Protein backbone atom coordinates (compact mmCIF):
# COMPACT_ATOMS: atom_id res chain seq x y z
CA MET A 1 3.72 -22.83 30.67
CA LYS A 2 5.09 -25.39 33.23
CA GLU A 3 3.01 -25.27 36.63
CA GLU A 4 5.50 -24.95 39.84
CA ARG A 5 5.15 -27.33 42.61
CA ARG A 6 4.48 -26.39 46.08
CA VAL A 7 6.70 -27.07 49.14
CA ALA A 8 5.66 -26.52 52.73
CA ILE A 9 8.67 -26.01 55.28
CA LYS A 10 7.70 -25.91 59.11
CA VAL A 11 9.85 -24.18 61.58
CA ARG A 12 10.02 -23.13 65.14
CA HIS A 13 11.57 -20.43 67.17
CA LYS A 14 11.05 -20.70 71.03
CA PHE A 15 7.30 -20.35 71.50
CA LEU A 16 6.12 -19.59 67.83
CA GLU A 17 5.61 -22.10 65.09
CA GLY A 18 5.52 -21.31 61.34
CA ILE A 19 4.67 -22.95 57.95
CA CYS A 20 6.08 -21.34 54.72
CA VAL A 21 4.73 -22.58 51.45
CA PHE A 22 6.53 -21.76 48.32
CA ARG A 23 5.72 -21.94 44.89
CA GLY A 24 8.85 -22.32 43.29
CA SER A 25 11.09 -19.77 44.46
CA PHE A 26 8.38 -17.40 45.64
CA LEU A 27 6.78 -17.39 49.29
CA GLU A 28 3.12 -17.96 48.51
CA ASP A 29 1.78 -18.39 51.87
CA LEU A 30 2.68 -17.67 55.73
CA MET A 31 1.06 -19.39 58.79
CA LEU A 32 2.08 -18.48 62.16
CA SER A 33 0.76 -20.05 65.43
CA LYS A 34 1.76 -19.97 69.18
CA GLY A 35 0.08 -23.55 68.95
CA ASP A 36 -0.25 -26.04 66.70
CA VAL A 37 0.31 -24.54 63.28
CA VAL A 38 -0.05 -27.70 61.31
CA SER A 39 -3.99 -27.67 61.93
CA LYS A 40 -4.22 -24.22 60.51
CA PHE A 41 -2.36 -25.60 57.56
CA LEU A 42 -4.59 -28.47 57.14
CA ALA A 43 -7.62 -26.29 57.34
CA ASP A 44 -6.42 -23.94 54.49
CA SER A 45 -6.92 -24.97 50.71
CA VAL A 46 -3.43 -24.53 49.98
CA LYS A 47 -2.65 -27.96 51.10
CA GLU A 48 -4.40 -29.33 48.03
CA GLU A 49 -1.64 -28.32 45.98
CA VAL A 50 1.44 -28.76 48.49
CA VAL A 51 3.20 -31.98 47.18
CA GLU A 52 6.10 -31.79 49.36
CA SER A 53 6.84 -30.87 53.17
CA ASN A 54 9.40 -31.63 55.95
CA PHE A 55 6.58 -32.40 58.36
CA GLY A 56 4.82 -35.56 56.96
CA TYR A 57 2.41 -33.95 54.51
CA GLY A 58 2.77 -35.16 50.97
CA SER A 59 5.97 -36.52 50.19
CA LEU A 60 9.18 -36.09 52.12
CA MET A 61 11.11 -33.06 51.09
CA ARG A 62 14.02 -33.73 49.06
CA GLU A 63 17.37 -31.91 49.97
CA VAL A 64 18.25 -29.31 47.31
């Protein structure tokens, strides 16, 4: 069975930041913060499996 890659996407809306971690087409993890959500991401073990992101972790996310 082929292992699906994990992609992290950072979003912001007004005062709230979030990072969504997807495994294939499934949302695997969601982190929310009013402050620095990247610090929460870096403290989480899921970061070890993320290969692409839109905020500088791993490879730059390619357009789909």
